[in-house]
Amino acid sequence: MKPNFFIIGAPKSGTTALSEYLRLHPQVCFSVDKEPNFWNDDFSGICSVRSLDEYLDLFRHAGPGVKACGEGSVNYLYSVRAVPRILEFNPEARFIALLRNPVE
């Protein structure tokens, strides 16, 4: 299944907690690697996968009842290229952005 949602956000803003909650839902498939950083090719050295096939393999465990498939790479928030590349890959992709209070 092709990913259709992406968690982006500031570090320490709750992205890991949200990904763990979503993993528990029977209609959600979350990537094996929480932060593959596949789409932010403007950041060198942090991508854990090298090809689209390898990336899609992170979702191989999606069962027939899955309605939402996603991943969460916080660096997508800071990347100039990630969101446009994701939307090129899946124009119907949705984003969940988690932010922190900048005053704290």
Protein backbone atom coordinates (compact mmCIF):
# COMPACT_ATOMS: atom_id res chain seq x y z
CA MET A 1 0.00 0.00 0.00
CA LYS A 2 1.18 3.50 -0.83
CA PRO A 3 1.58 5.83 2.19
CA ASN A 4 -1.18 8.43 2.42
CA PHE A 5 -0.27 10.30 5.60
CA PHE A 6 2.93 11.74 7.00
CA ILE A 7 3.76 12.98 10.48
CA ILE A 8 6.05 15.98 10.36
CA GLY A 9 7.06 18.13 13.27
CA ALA A 10 9.57 19.51 15.65
CA PRO A 11 11.77 17.13 17.62
CA LYS A 12 10.36 16.39 21.09
CA SER A 13 6.87 17.50 20.02
CA GLY A 14 5.20 14.10 20.37
CA THR A 15 5.77 12.56 16.93
CA THR A 16 7.01 9.27 18.40
CA ALA A 17 4.10 9.02 20.84
CA LEU A 18 1.60 9.70 18.04
CA SER A 19 3.24 7.11 15.80
CA GLU A 20 3.04 4.51 18.59
CA TYR A 21 -0.65 5.25 19.18
CA LEU A 22 -1.40 4.99 15.47
CA ARG A 23 0.48 1.67 15.22
CA LEU A 24 -2.04 0.17 17.62
CA HIS A 25 -5.03 0.88 15.40
CA PRO A 26 -6.06 -2.11 13.25
CA GLN A 27 -6.84 0.09 10.22
CA VAL A 28 -3.51 1.91 10.27
CA CYS A 29 -0.23 0.70 8.83
CA PHE A 30 2.80 2.58 10.08
CA SER A 31 6.22 2.16 8.48
CA VAL A 32 8.59 -0.37 10.01
CA ASP A 33 11.16 2.43 10.36
CA LYS A 34 9.44 5.44 12.00
CA GLU A 35 11.76 7.99 10.37
CA PRO A 36 12.96 6.79 6.97
CA ASN A 37 13.63 10.37 5.81
CA PHE A 38 13.21 9.18 2.22
CA TRP A 39 11.63 12.31 0.78
CA ASN A 40 14.04 14.94 2.16
CA ASP A 41 16.88 14.39 -0.26
CA ASP A 42 18.18 17.89 0.49
CA PHE A 43 19.55 16.56 3.80
CA SER A 44 22.49 14.29 3.15
CA GLY A 45 23.29 11.23 5.20
CA ILE A 46 20.07 10.77 7.17
CA CYS A 47 17.99 8.71 4.75
CA SER A 48 17.68 5.10 5.91
CA VAL A 49 16.45 3.79 2.53
CA ARG A 50 17.92 4.28 -0.93
CA SER A 51 15.17 3.47 -3.44
CA LEU A 52 11.41 3.78 -3.83
CA ASP A 53 11.07 -0.02 -3.79
CA GLU A 54 13.02 -0.19 -0.52
CA TYR A 55 10.84 2.62 0.88
CA LEU A 56 7.58 0.92 -0.10
CA ASP A 57 8.87 -2.28 1.49
CA LEU A 58 8.57 -0.49 4.86
CA PHE A 59 4.79 -0.84 4.43
CA ARG A 60 4.71 -4.48 3.28
CA HIS A 61 2.89 -5.52 6.45
CA ALA A 62 -0.27 -3.54 5.51
CA GLY A 63 -3.20 -5.92 5.74
CA PRO A 64 -6.43 -5.92 3.73
CA GLY A 65 -8.33 -3.83 6.32
CA VAL A 66 -5.84 -0.97 6.35
CA LYS A 67 -7.29 2.43 5.43
CA ALA A 68 -4.41 4.70 6.43
CA CYS A 69 -0.76 4.08 5.77
CA GLY A 70 1.96 6.43 6.94
CA GLU A 71 5.29 7.33 8.40
CA GLY A 72 6.79 10.09 10.51
CA SER A 73 10.03 11.85 9.66
CA VAL A 74 10.42 15.06 11.66
CA ASN A 75 12.98 16.45 9.22
CA TYR A 76 10.31 16.79 6.54
CA LEU A 77 9.21 19.92 8.41
CA TYR A 78 12.58 21.57 7.73
CA SER A 79 13.15 20.24 4.22
CA VAL A 80 12.49 22.41 1.18
CA ARG A 81 12.02 19.35 -1.03
CA ALA A 82 10.18 16.75 1.09
CA VAL A 83 6.58 17.97 0.93
CA PRO A 84 6.64 18.74 -2.84
CA ARG A 85 8.17 15.30 -3.51
CA ILE A 86 5.58 13.58 -1.33
CA LEU A 87 2.75 15.38 -3.12
CA GLU A 88 4.23 14.38 -6.47
CA PHE A 89 4.30 10.77 -5.27
CA ASN A 90 0.78 10.93 -3.79
CA PRO A 91 -1.24 14.10 -4.52
CA GLU A 92 -3.83 13.03 -1.93
CA ALA A 93 -1.29 12.75 0.90
CA ARG A 94 -2.21 14.28 4.24
CA PHE A 95 0.16 15.77 6.79
CA ILE A 96 0.00 15.81 10.56
CA ALA A 97 2.23 18.61 11.86
CA LEU A 98 3.24 18.62 15.51
CA LEU A 99 4.89 21.77 16.84
CA ARG A 100 6.30 22.95 20.14
CA ASN A 101 5.68 26.19 21.95
CA PRO A 102 8.68 28.34 20.89
CA VAL A 103 8.59 30.25 24.19
CA GLU A 104 9.19 27.15 26.32
